[in-house]
């Protein structure tokens, strides 16, 4: 059974999402259409790229992921689709697929410029309906990617530099990648818990270092928005109501939270803002 996901900044007040689903069902009846989210902050390409990056691995092989956060709709920016060994991705060529291009080996990319696989009339303001939804539906129906348009070299796609954490001595500089609806802050610091010699440690993978750091959870001091937070907890319940805390979020990244409150609002932090993580080797 064909599976298509939708990720947009359209919200659900207007009819945009429903219209895209109608187009998909008209082309590929019976396709399972799953909403990843339609609450991306308006025109926030980085947040959309990140959420697609942490969501797509949980879907069946050959799922078609349609993502539309498109400030350049109606301009000369290209509409594209690409295929990896695991999935198809359909999106504007504006950096939205940056994480995917880094995550996966891209096998084929096309410019979605074959009018046969668009709606007959293409507006200047709603390519989600007229170009992206049809492309996703035709792919789910089994139309080969190469039929949808002219081939493109993956190197020619627009990407943005993905923010990377880096370390100097015992200080790590990182950035906020995402703010969820609870106001929790996801930081670009991949992290997991491991047990070695009976001791629970956190393992941090930094992109420019060959070996991960293995540290005691209490050795980390997180400096963010004028606050210092000591240690990395296991669950939200281990924090105190109204007090800042950190933990490893479900996506495998460091997360800053305030139980019962919004860390983003309290700390006045947003996507792209910088934080410091200091390592106390004495712990």
Protein backbone atom coordinates (compact mmCIF):
# COMPACT_ATOMS: atom_id res chain seq x y z
CA UNK A 1 0.00 0.00 0.00
CA UNK A 2 1.36 3.42 -1.01
CA UNK A 3 2.28 5.76 1.85
CA UNK A 4 2.64 9.53 1.43
CA UNK A 5 3.59 11.94 4.20
CA UNK A 6 2.91 15.67 4.29
CA UNK A 7 5.00 18.28 6.09
CA UNK A 8 3.99 21.94 5.66
CA UNK A 9 3.66 25.31 7.33
CA UNK A 10 0.04 25.64 6.15
CA UNK A 11 -1.68 25.04 9.48
CA UNK A 12 -5.19 23.58 9.61
CA UNK A 13 -7.36 26.69 9.75
CA UNK A 14 -7.49 27.04 5.98
CA UNK A 15 -8.24 24.40 3.37
CA UNK A 16 -4.74 24.00 1.93
CA UNK A 17 -3.91 20.66 3.51
CA UNK A 18 -7.29 19.15 2.73
CA UNK A 19 -7.03 20.28 -0.88
CA UNK A 20 -3.60 18.63 -1.24
CA UNK A 21 -5.07 15.40 0.12
CA UNK A 22 -7.94 15.64 -2.35
CA UNK A 23 -5.49 15.99 -5.24
CA UNK A 24 -3.52 12.98 -4.01
CA UNK A 25 -6.62 10.78 -3.71
CA UNK A 26 -7.78 11.81 -7.17
CA UNK A 27 -4.50 10.56 -8.67
CA UNK A 28 -3.68 7.65 -6.36
CA UNK A 29 -6.93 6.44 -4.76
CA UNK A 30 -6.41 4.57 -1.54
CA UNK A 31 -2.99 6.01 -0.80
CA UNK A 32 -2.35 6.28 2.93
CA UNK A 33 -1.64 9.97 3.59
CA UNK A 34 0.02 10.70 6.94
CA UNK A 35 0.50 14.17 8.35
CA UNK A 36 3.92 14.61 9.92
CA UNK A 37 3.05 18.21 10.80
CA UNK A 38 1.42 21.31 9.37
CA UNK A 39 2.56 23.53 12.22
CA UNK A 40 6.03 24.43 11.00
CA UNK A 41 6.52 28.14 11.85
CA UNK A 42 5.65 30.09 8.70
CA UNK A 43 8.51 30.02 6.16
CA UNK A 44 10.90 28.33 8.63
CA UNK A 45 12.82 26.09 6.24
CA UNK A 46 15.36 24.95 8.86
CA UNK A 47 12.67 23.68 11.24
CA UNK A 48 10.95 21.84 8.40
CA UNK A 49 14.22 20.29 7.26
CA UNK A 50 15.02 19.14 10.80
CA UNK A 51 11.59 17.62 11.47
CA UNK A 52 11.68 15.76 8.17
CA UNK A 53 15.16 14.49 9.10
CA UNK A 54 14.04 13.06 12.45
CA UNK A 55 10.72 11.70 11.13
CA UNK A 56 11.34 9.90 7.85
CA UNK A 57 13.35 6.93 9.25
CA UNK A 58 10.21 5.64 10.99
CA UNK A 59 8.21 5.15 7.79
CA UNK A 60 8.09 2.11 5.50
CA UNK A 61 10.57 1.74 2.65
CA UNK A 62 9.62 3.70 -0.48
CA UNK A 63 7.35 6.11 1.39
CA UNK A 64 6.89 9.36 -0.55
CA UNK A 65 7.61 12.38 1.66
CA UNK A 66 6.08 15.63 0.39
CA UNK A 67 7.36 18.73 2.19
CA UNK A 68 6.19 22.25 1.39
CA UNK A 69 7.63 25.26 3.18
CA UNK A 70 8.02 27.55 0.24
CA UNK A 71 8.68 31.28 0.65
CA UNK A 72 9.76 31.39 -3.01
CA UNK A 73 6.55 29.97 -4.46
CA UNK A 74 5.88 31.39 -7.92
CA UNK A 75 9.48 32.47 -8.51
CA UNK A 76 12.20 30.77 -10.55
CA UNK A 77 13.05 28.36 -7.72
CA UNK A 78 12.72 24.76 -8.87
CA UNK A 79 10.32 22.10 -7.67
CA UNK A 80 12.28 18.86 -7.25
CA UNK A 81 11.99 15.23 -6.29
CA UNK A 82 14.72 12.81 -5.32
CA UNK A 83 15.06 9.12 -4.65
CA UNK A 84 17.27 7.37 -2.11
CA UNK A 85 17.51 3.67 -1.39
CA UNK A 86 14.89 4.17 1.32
CA UNK A 87 12.36 6.75 0.17
CA UNK A 88 11.24 9.49 -2.19
CA UNK A 89 11.27 13.18 -1.26
CA UNK A 90 9.31 15.94 -3.01
CA UNK A 91 9.96 19.59 -2.10
CA UNK A 92 10.92 23.06 -3.32
CA UNK A 93 14.60 23.46 -4.08
CA UNK A 94 15.27 25.88 -1.24
CA UNK A 95 17.35 23.92 1.27
CA UNK A 96 14.46 21.96 2.74
CA UNK A 97 16.15 18.69 1.75
CA UNK A 98 19.55 19.63 3.22
CA UNK A 99 19.46 17.07 6.04
CA UNK A 100 18.20 14.36 3.69
CA UNK A 101 21.06 14.98 1.26
CA UNK A 102 23.50 14.68 4.16
CA UNK A 103 21.77 11.63 5.69
CA UNK A 104 21.25 9.54 2.58
CA UNK A 105 22.95 8.48 -0.64
CA UNK A 106 20.84 10.22 -3.27
CA UNK A 107 20.33 7.97 -6.28
CA UNK A 108 18.31 10.22 -8.60
CA UNK A 109 17.02 13.81 -8.70
CA UNK A 110 14.65 15.48 -11.14
CA UNK A 111 13.22 18.92 -11.78
CA UNK A 112 9.43 18.55 -11.63
CA UNK A 113 8.87 20.27 -14.95
CA UNK A 114 6.91 17.68 -16.94
CA UNK A 115 3.44 19.26 -17.31
CA UNK A 116 1.87 15.81 -17.66
CA UNK A 117 2.43 15.24 -13.94
CA UNK A 118 1.12 18.58 -12.70
CA UNK A 119 -2.42 19.89 -12.48
CA UNK A 120 -3.59 21.42 -15.76
CA UNK A 121 -3.52 24.94 -14.35
CA UNK A 122 -0.59 25.90 -12.12
CA UNK A 123 -1.11 28.93 -9.91
CA UNK A 124 1.66 31.27 -8.80
CA UNK A 125 0.80 30.83 -5.11
CA UNK A 126 -0.17 27.20 -4.39
CA UNK A 127 2.39 24.78 -5.78
CA UNK A 128 1.56 22.40 -2.93
CA UNK A 129 -1.70 21.68 -4.72
CA UNK A 130 -0.58 22.07 -8.33
CA UNK A 131 2.92 20.54 -8.42
CA UNK A 132 4.02 18.84 -5.19
CA UNK A 133 0.87 16.87 -4.32
CA UNK A 134 0.52 15.52 -7.89
CA UNK A 135 4.20 14.56 -8.03
CA UNK A 136 3.93 12.70 -4.73
CA UNK A 137 0.77 10.93 -5.85
CA UNK A 138 2.22 9.82 -9.17
CA UNK A 139 5.33 8.48 -7.45
CA UNK A 140 3.15 6.58 -4.98
CA UNK A 141 1.20 5.22 -7.94
CA UNK A 142 4.39 3.77 -9.38
CA UNK A 143 5.34 6.31 -12.06
CA UNK A 144 9.16 6.24 -12.41
CA UNK A 145 10.86 9.34 -11.04
CA UNK A 146 12.57 10.01 -14.36
CA UNK A 147 9.18 10.56 -16.02
CA UNK A 148 8.40 13.56 -13.80
CA UNK A 149 11.04 15.87 -15.24
CA UNK A 150 14.58 16.55 -16.31
CA UNK A 151 17.44 15.01 -14.31
CA UNK A 152 19.51 17.21 -11.99
CA UNK A 153 22.87 16.57 -10.36
CA UNK A 154 22.46 16.38 -6.60
CA UNK A 155 25.36 18.83 -6.26
CA UNK A 156 23.23 21.43 -8.03
CA UNK A 157 20.49 21.36 -5.40
CA UNK A 158 20.30 24.27 -3.00
CA UNK A 159 21.42 23.33 0.49
CA UNK A 160 22.23 25.37 3.56
CA UNK A 161 25.07 24.72 5.99
CA UNK A 162 23.62 22.50 8.68
CA UNK A 163 24.54 23.98 12.08
CA UNK A 164 27.14 21.76 13.76
CA UNK A 165 28.25 21.71 17.37
CA UNK A 166 32.00 21.99 17.96
CA UNK A 167 34.32 21.73 20.93
CA UNK A 168 37.29 23.74 22.12
CA UNK A 169 38.96 22.13 25.11
CA UNK A 170 36.17 21.51 27.64
CA UNK A 171 33.55 23.82 26.09
CA UNK A 172 31.07 22.80 23.40
CA UNK A 173 29.28 25.44 21.34
CA UNK A 174 25.93 24.32 19.97
CA UNK A 175 22.78 25.82 18.45
CA UNK A 176 19.04 25.38 18.84
CA UNK A 177 17.58 23.45 15.92
CA UNK A 178 13.93 23.22 16.90
CA UNK A 179 11.35 24.51 19.36
CA UNK A 180 8.39 22.16 19.93
CA UNK A 181 4.85 23.11 20.94
CA UNK A 182 5.75 22.75 24.63
CA UNK A 183 8.57 25.25 24.26
CA UNK A 184 11.23 22.58 24.64
CA UNK A 185 14.49 23.39 22.85
CA UNK A 186 16.22 20.75 20.71
CA UNK A 187 19.97 21.38 20.46
CA UNK A 188 22.24 20.13 17.67
CA UNK A 189 24.17 17.89 20.04
CA UNK A 190 23.59 14.18 19.24
CA UNK A 191 23.60 12.28 22.49
CA UNK A 192 22.72 8.87 23.89
CA UNK A 193 23.02 6.98 27.15
CA UNK A 194 25.41 4.05 27.38
CA UNK A 195 26.47 1.75 30.20
CA UNK A 196 30.13 0.94 30.61
CA UNK A 197 31.59 -1.08 33.48
CA UNK A 198 28.33 -0.75 35.36
CA UNK A 199 28.29 3.05 35.08
CA UNK A 200 25.75 5.02 33.09
CA UNK A 201 27.35 7.63 30.84
CA UNK A 202 26.22 9.99 28.11
CA UNK A 203 27.89 9.60 24.74
CA UNK A 204 28.21 12.74 22.61
CA UNK A 205 29.07 12.55 18.92
CA UNK A 206 30.66 15.70 17.50
CA UNK A 207 30.89 15.89 13.70
CA UNK A 208 34.53 16.99 13.55
CA UNK A 209 35.82 14.45 16.08
CA UNK A 210 36.67 10.86 15.22
CA UNK A 211 35.68 9.42 18.59
CA UNK A 212 32.61 10.18 20.73
CA UNK A 213 32.91 11.72 24.16
CA UNK A 214 31.83 9.49 27.04
CA UNK A 215 30.99 11.54 30.11
CA UNK A 216 29.16 11.29 33.39
CA UNK A 217 25.73 12.97 33.04
CA UNK A 218 26.48 15.28 35.97
CA UNK A 219 29.71 16.53 34.38
CA UNK A 220 27.81 18.68 31.88
CA UNK A 221 26.95 22.30 32.69
CA UNK A 222 24.61 23.83 30.13
CA UNK A 223 24.66 27.64 29.79
CA UNK A 224 21.63 29.02 28.00
CA UNK A 225 19.73 32.30 28.14
CA UNK A 226 21.44 33.40 31.36
CA UNK A 227 20.78 30.06 33.10
CA UNK A 228 23.19 27.31 34.14
CA UNK A 229 21.76 23.81 34.19
CA UNK A 230 23.74 20.99 35.79
CA UNK A 231 23.51 17.42 34.51
CA UNK A 232 21.41 15.52 31.99
CA UNK A 233 18.29 13.80 33.33
CA UNK A 234 16.58 10.70 31.98
CA UNK A 235 12.95 11.89 32.00
CA UNK A 236 10.93 15.08 32.32
CA UNK A 237 9.57 13.73 35.61
CA UNK A 238 13.07 13.91 37.12
CA UNK A 239 12.95 17.69 36.81
CA UNK A 240 11.30 20.09 39.23
CA UNK A 241 8.20 22.04 38.27
CA UNK A 242 9.19 25.42 36.85
CA UNK A 243 12.95 24.74 36.93
CA UNK A 244 15.13 24.40 33.80
CA UNK A 245 16.48 20.94 33.07
CA UNK A 246 18.12 19.01 30.25
CA UNK A 247 17.60 15.49 28.98
CA UNK A 248 18.11 13.43 25.84
CA UNK A 249 15.04 13.89 23.64
CA UNK A 250 13.34 11.16 21.63
CA UNK A 251 15.20 12.22 18.47
CA UNK A 252 18.56 11.58 20.15
CA UNK A 253 19.56 15.21 20.70
CA UNK A 254 20.13 17.25 23.84
CA UNK A 255 16.92 18.97 24.88
CA UNK A 256 16.31 21.88 27.24
CA UNK A 257 12.95 21.92 29.02
CA UNK A 258 11.12 23.52 31.93
CA UNK A 259 8.43 21.24 33.39
CA UNK A 260 5.16 23.13 33.45
CA UNK A 261 6.52 26.05 31.41
CA UNK A 262 8.02 26.97 28.04
CA UNK A 263 11.80 27.04 28.00
CA UNK A 264 11.71 29.04 24.76
CA UNK A 265 9.58 31.80 26.29
CA UNK A 266 11.18 31.85 29.74
CA UNK A 267 14.71 31.91 28.35
CA UNK A 268 13.83 34.04 25.31
CA UNK A 269 15.54 31.53 22.99
CA UNK A 270 14.74 30.66 19.38
CA UNK A 271 15.99 28.50 16.52
CA UNK A 272 19.58 29.38 15.66
CA UNK A 273 20.48 30.77 19.07
CA UNK A 274 23.73 29.56 20.60
CA UNK A 275 24.29 27.68 23.83
CA UNK A 276 27.44 26.53 25.67
CA UNK A 277 28.01 23.15 27.26
CA UNK A 278 30.92 23.03 29.67
CA UNK A 279 32.50 19.77 30.80
CA UNK A 280 33.47 19.47 34.46
CA UNK A 281 36.12 16.77 34.49
CA UNK A 282 35.93 16.63 38.28
CA UNK A 283 32.54 14.92 38.23
